[in-house]
Amino acid sequence: MRVKPAPGVAVRDPDLKDFLPEDGREVPDTPYWNRLLHVFGDVTLVVPVAREEDKP
């Protein structure tokens, strides 16, 4: 899943030992990231934008 930090929040990536970039990053679907997403609201899901080439 791809997540980005909520506005005004700095979120540390425990695997890469850095902060999540503002435009987001692909992260594993683990309890850690799900807790930040659903419980604390520190990250938001990045929904992929459909491109013209992908449309039927």
PDB file of N, CA and C in Angstrom:
ATOM      1  N   MET A   1       0.850  -1.173   0.000  1.00  0.00           N
ATOM      2  CA  MET A   1       0.000   0.000   0.000  1.00  0.00           C
ATOM      3  C   MET A   1       0.891   1.230   0.000  1.00  0.00           C
ATOM      4  N   ARG A   2       0.361   2.307  -0.542  1.00  0.00           N
ATOM      5  CA  ARG A   2       1.122   3.555  -0.594  1.00  0.00           C
ATOM      6  C   ARG A   2       0.476   4.541   0.370  1.00  0.00           C
ATOM      7  N   VAL A   3       1.293   5.098   1.262  1.00  0.00           N
ATOM      8  CA  VAL A   3       0.800   6.050   2.250  1.00  0.00           C
ATOM      9  C   VAL A   3       1.658   7.305   2.231  1.00  0.00           C
ATOM     10  N   LYS A   4       1.066   8.380   2.722  1.00  0.00           N
ATOM     11  CA  LYS A   4       1.806   9.627   2.890  1.00  0.00           C
ATOM     12  C   LYS A   4       1.460  10.181   4.266  1.00  0.00           C
ATOM     13  N   PRO A   5       2.325  11.008   4.832  1.00  0.00           N
ATOM     14  CA  PRO A   5       2.038  11.540   6.166  1.00  0.00           C
ATOM     15  C   PRO A   5       0.848  12.494   6.137  1.00  0.00           C
ATOM     16  N   ALA A   6       0.095  12.490   7.215  1.00  0.00           N
ATOM     17  CA  ALA A   6      -0.994  13.450   7.360  1.00  0.00           C
ATOM     18  C   ALA A   6      -0.383  14.852   7.445  1.00  0.00           C
ATOM     19  N   PRO A   7      -1.146  15.879   7.088  1.00  0.00           N
ATOM     20  CA  PRO A   7      -0.606  17.242   7.145  1.00  0.00           C
ATOM     21  C   PRO A   7      -0.058  17.590   8.535  1.00  0.00           C
ATOM     22  N   GLY A   8       1.170  18.083   8.556  1.00  0.00           N
ATOM     23  CA  GLY A   8       1.800  18.511   9.790  1.00  0.00           C
ATOM     24  C   GLY A   8       2.391  17.400  10.646  1.00  0.00           C
ATOM     25  N   VAL A   9       2.424  16.166  10.120  1.00  0.00           N
ATOM     26  CA  VAL A   9       2.931  15.037  10.896  1.00  0.00           C
ATOM     27  C   VAL A   9       4.199  14.491  10.244  1.00  0.00           C
ATOM     28  N   ALA A  10       5.221  14.252  11.042  1.00  0.00           N
ATOM     29  CA  ALA A  10       6.445  13.601  10.567  1.00  0.00           C
ATOM     30  C   ALA A  10       6.378  12.142  11.009  1.00  0.00           C
ATOM     31  N   VAL A  11       6.441  11.238  10.055  1.00  0.00           N
ATOM     32  CA  VAL A  11       6.304   9.811  10.346  1.00  0.00           C
ATOM     33  C   VAL A  11       7.605   9.099   9.983  1.00  0.00           C
ATOM     34  N   ARG A  12       8.164   8.398  10.948  1.00  0.00           N
ATOM     35  CA  ARG A  12       9.413   7.666  10.719  1.00  0.00           C
ATOM     36  C   ARG A  12       9.107   6.284  10.150  1.00  0.00           C
ATOM     37  N   ASP A  13       9.859   5.908   9.120  1.00  0.00           N
ATOM     38  CA  ASP A  13       9.767   4.576   8.531  1.00  0.00           C
ATOM     39  C   ASP A  13      10.727   3.677   9.316  1.00  0.00           C
ATOM     40  N   PRO A  14      10.202   2.679  10.043  1.00  0.00           N
ATOM     41  CA  PRO A  14      11.077   1.860  10.873  1.00  0.00           C
ATOM     42  C   PRO A  14      12.020   0.962  10.072  1.00  0.00           C
ATOM     43  N   ASP A  15      11.686   0.669   8.834  1.00  0.00           N
ATOM     44  CA  ASP A  15      12.552  -0.184   8.020  1.00  0.00           C
ATOM     45  C   ASP A  15      13.713   0.593   7.409  1.00  0.00           C
ATOM     46  N   LEU A  16      13.428   1.770   6.877  1.00  0.00           N
ATOM     47  CA  LEU A  16      14.464   2.564   6.201  1.00  0.00           C
ATOM     48  C   LEU A  16      15.136   3.571   7.122  1.00  0.00           C
ATOM     49  N   LYS A  17      14.609   3.730   8.329  1.00  0.00           N
ATOM     50  CA  LYS A  17      15.190   4.629   9.345  1.00  0.00           C
ATOM     51  C   LYS A  17      15.241   6.087   8.892  1.00  0.00           C
ATOM     52  N   ASP A  18      14.225   6.497   8.128  1.00  0.00           N
ATOM     53  CA  ASP A  18      14.115   7.899   7.731  1.00  0.00           C
ATOM     54  C   ASP A  18      12.658   8.320   7.849  1.00  0.00           C
ATOM     55  N   PHE A  19      12.373   9.564   7.489  1.00  0.00           N
ATOM     56  CA  PHE A  19      11.007  10.053   7.548  1.00  0.00           C
ATOM     57  C   PHE A  19      10.307   9.800   6.214  1.00  0.00           C
ATOM     58  N   LEU A  20       9.036   9.515   6.299  1.00  0.00           N
ATOM     59  CA  LEU A  20       8.213   9.292   5.121  1.00  0.00           C
ATOM     60  C   LEU A  20       8.162  10.583   4.308  1.00  0.00           C
ATOM     61  N   PRO A  21       8.432  10.534   2.989  1.00  0.00           N
ATOM     62  CA  PRO A  21       8.394  11.760   2.184  1.00  0.00           C
ATOM     63  C   PRO A  21       6.965  12.294   2.067  1.00  0.00           C
ATOM     64  N   GLU A  22       6.845  13.580   1.832  1.00  0.00           N
ATOM     65  CA  GLU A  22       5.535  14.230   1.719  1.00  0.00           C
ATOM     66  C   GLU A  22       4.661  13.617   0.625  1.00  0.00           C
ATOM     67  N   ASP A  23       5.276  13.152  -0.470  1.00  0.00           N
ATOM     68  CA  ASP A  23       4.500  12.576  -1.571  1.00  0.00           C
ATOM     69  C   ASP A  23       4.188  11.103  -1.344  1.00  0.00           C
ATOM     70  N   GLY A  24       4.688  10.538  -0.240  1.00  0.00           N
ATOM     71  CA  GLY A  24       4.347   9.177   0.125  1.00  0.00           C
ATOM     72  C   GLY A  24       5.358   8.152  -0.327  1.00  0.00           C
ATOM     73  N   ARG A  25       5.079   6.913   0.082  1.00  0.00           N
ATOM     74  CA  ARG A  25       5.971   5.801  -0.216  1.00  0.00           C
ATOM     75  C   ARG A  25       5.174   4.505  -0.157  1.00  0.00           C
ATOM     76  N   GLU A  26       5.609   3.532  -0.931  1.00  0.00           N
ATOM     77  CA  GLU A  26       5.037   2.193  -0.876  1.00  0.00           C
ATOM     78  C   GLU A  26       5.576   1.522   0.389  1.00  0.00           C
ATOM     79  N   VAL A  27       4.665   1.030   1.239  1.00  0.00           N
ATOM     80  CA  VAL A  27       5.052   0.380   2.485  1.00  0.00           C
ATOM     81  C   VAL A  27       4.347  -0.968   2.587  1.00  0.00           C
ATOM     82  N   PRO A  28       4.875  -1.883   3.393  1.00  0.00           N
ATOM     83  CA  PRO A  28       4.216  -3.178   3.545  1.00  0.00           C
ATOM     84  C   PRO A  28       2.915  -3.044   4.331  1.00  0.00           C
ATOM     85  N   ASP A  29       1.980  -3.933   4.054  1.00  0.00           N
ATOM     86  CA  ASP A  29       0.687  -3.943   4.742  1.00  0.00           C
ATOM     87  C   ASP A  29       0.849  -4.691   6.064  1.00  0.00           C
ATOM     88  N   THR A  30       1.437  -3.986   7.047  1.00  0.00           N
ATOM     89  CA  THR A  30       1.738  -4.591   8.344  1.00  0.00           C
ATOM     90  C   THR A  30       0.900  -3.933   9.443  1.00  0.00           C
ATOM     91  N   PRO A  31       0.837  -4.550  10.618  1.00  0.00           N
ATOM     92  CA  PRO A  31       0.102  -3.919  11.726  1.00  0.00           C
ATOM     93  C   PRO A  31       0.597  -2.510  12.054  1.00  0.00           C
ATOM     94  N   TYR A  32       1.910  -2.267  11.931  1.00  0.00           N
ATOM     95  CA  TYR A  32       2.454  -0.938  12.222  1.00  0.00           C
ATOM     96  C   TYR A  32       1.795   0.132  11.341  1.00  0.00           C
ATOM     97  N   TRP A  33       1.831  -0.090  10.033  1.00  0.00           N
ATOM     98  CA  TRP A  33       1.290   0.914   9.109  1.00  0.00           C
ATOM     99  C   TRP A  33      -0.231   0.988   9.200  1.00  0.00           C
ATOM    100  N   ASN A  34      -0.900  -0.128   9.419  1.00  0.00           N
ATOM    101  CA  ASN A  34      -2.354  -0.111   9.571  1.00  0.00           C
ATOM    102  C   ASN A  34      -2.771   0.640  10.832  1.00  0.00           C
ATOM    103  N   ARG A  35      -1.996   0.527  11.906  1.00  0.00           N
ATOM    104  CA  ARG A  35      -2.286   1.261  13.129  1.00  0.00           C
ATOM    105  C   ARG A  35      -2.124   2.764  12.900  1.00  0.00           C
ATOM    106  N   LEU A  36      -1.048   3.161  12.203  1.00  0.00           N
ATOM    107  CA  LEU A  36      -0.866   4.592  11.909  1.00  0.00           C
ATOM    108  C   LEU A  36      -1.985   5.118  11.024  1.00  0.00           C
ATOM    109  N   LEU A  37      -2.486   4.283  10.125  1.00  0.00           N
ATOM    110  CA  LEU A  37      -3.538   4.684   9.198  1.00  0.00           C
ATOM    111  C   LEU A  37      -4.908   4.735   9.874  1.00  0.00           C
ATOM    112  N   HIS A  38      -5.306   3.649  10.529  1.00  0.00           N
ATOM    113  CA  HIS A  38      -6.681   3.520  11.023  1.00  0.00           C
ATOM    114  C   HIS A  38      -6.894   3.973  12.456  1.00  0.00           C
ATOM    115  N   VAL A  39      -5.883   3.879  13.300  1.00  0.00           N
ATOM    116  CA  VAL A  39      -6.054   4.220  14.714  1.00  0.00           C
ATOM    117  C   VAL A  39      -5.598   5.647  15.001  1.00  0.00           C
ATOM    118  N   PHE A  40      -4.366   5.962  14.606  1.00  0.00           N
ATOM    119  CA  PHE A  40      -3.802   7.264  14.947  1.00  0.00           C
ATOM    120  C   PHE A  40      -4.050   8.339  13.896  1.00  0.00           C
ATOM    121  N   GLY A  41      -4.262   7.954  12.641  1.00  0.00           N
ATOM    122  CA  GLY A  41      -4.481   8.937  11.585  1.00  0.00           C
ATOM    123  C   GLY A  41      -3.232   9.697  11.188  1.00  0.00           C
ATOM    124  N   ASP A  42      -2.056   9.141  11.482  1.00  0.00           N
ATOM    125  CA  ASP A  42      -0.799   9.814  11.153  1.00  0.00           C
ATOM    126  C   ASP A  42      -0.439   9.714   9.676  1.00  0.00           C
ATOM    127  N   VAL A  43      -1.028   8.752   8.965  1.00  0.00           N
ATOM    128  CA  VAL A  43      -0.789   8.607   7.530  1.00  0.00           C
ATOM    129  C   VAL A  43      -2.135   8.484   6.815  1.00  0.00           C
ATOM    130  N   THR A  44      -2.113   8.797   5.517  1.00  0.00           N
ATOM    131  CA  THR A  44      -3.298   8.634   4.677  1.00  0.00           C
ATOM    132  C   THR A  44      -2.926   7.793   3.476  1.00  0.00           C
ATOM    133  N   LEU A  45      -3.917   7.064   2.957  1.00  0.00           N
ATOM    134  CA  LEU A  45      -3.692   6.250   1.768  1.00  0.00           C
ATOM    135  C   LEU A  45      -3.553   7.132   0.546  1.00  0.00           C
ATOM    136  N   VAL A  46      -2.641   6.789  -0.324  1.00  0.00           N
ATOM    137  CA  VAL A  46      -2.489   7.467  -1.605  1.00  0.00           C
ATOM    138  C   VAL A  46      -3.188   6.596  -2.640  1.00  0.00           C
ATOM    139  N   VAL A  47      -4.255   7.125  -3.219  1.00  0.00           N
ATOM    140  CA  VAL A  47      -5.022   6.386  -4.209  1.00  0.00           C
ATOM    141  C   VAL A  47      -4.408   6.635  -5.577  1.00  0.00           C
ATOM    142  N   PRO A  48      -4.070   5.562  -6.304  1.00  0.00           N
ATOM    143  CA  PRO A  48      -3.483   5.770  -7.635  1.00  0.00           C
ATOM    144  C   PRO A  48      -4.477   6.429  -8.585  1.00  0.00           C
ATOM    145  N   VAL A  49      -3.978   7.321  -9.405  1.00  0.00           N
ATOM    146  CA  VAL A  49      -4.797   8.023 -10.385  1.00  0.00           C
ATOM    147  C   VAL A  49      -4.787   7.220 -11.679  1.00  0.00           C
ATOM    148  N   ALA A  50      -5.967   6.970 -12.221  1.00  0.00           N
ATOM    149  CA  ALA A  50      -6.061   6.217 -13.472  1.00  0.00           C
ATOM    150  C   ALA A  50      -5.562   7.089 -14.619  1.00  0.00           C
ATOM    151  N   ARG A  51      -4.684   6.528 -15.429  1.00  0.00           N
ATOM    152  CA  ARG A  51      -4.167   7.253 -16.584  1.00  0.00           C
ATOM    153  C   ARG A  51      -5.017   6.910 -17.809  1.00  0.00           C
ATOM    154  N   GLU A  52      -4.976   7.751 -18.810  1.00  0.00           N
ATOM    155  CA  GLU A  52      -5.746   7.522 -20.047  1.00  0.00           C
ATOM    156  C   GLU A  52      -5.369   6.200 -20.703  1.00  0.00           C
ATOM    157  N   GLU A  53      -4.078   5.834 -20.622  1.00  0.00           N
ATOM    158  CA  GLU A  53      -3.628   4.602 -21.242  1.00  0.00           C
ATOM    159  C   GLU A  53      -4.206   3.373 -20.555  1.00  0.00           C
ATOM    160  N   ASP A  54      -4.555   3.516 -19.259  1.00  0.00           N
ATOM    161  CA  ASP A  54      -5.075   2.390 -18.496  1.00  0.00           C
ATOM    162  C   ASP A  54      -6.575   2.187 -18.676  1.00  0.00           C
ATOM    163  N   LYS A  55      -7.274   3.180 -19.198  1.00  0.00           N
ATOM    164  CA  LYS A  55      -8.721   3.074 -19.359  1.00  0.00           C
ATOM    165  C   LYS A  55      -9.067   2.215 -20.575  1.00  0.00           C
ATOM    166  N   PRO A  56     -10.137   1.396 -20.446  1.00  0.00           N
ATOM    167  CA  PRO A  56     -10.512   0.536 -21.590  1.00  0.00           C
ATOM    168  C   PRO A  56     -11.078   1.302 -22.767  1.00  0.00           C
TER     169      PRO A  56
END
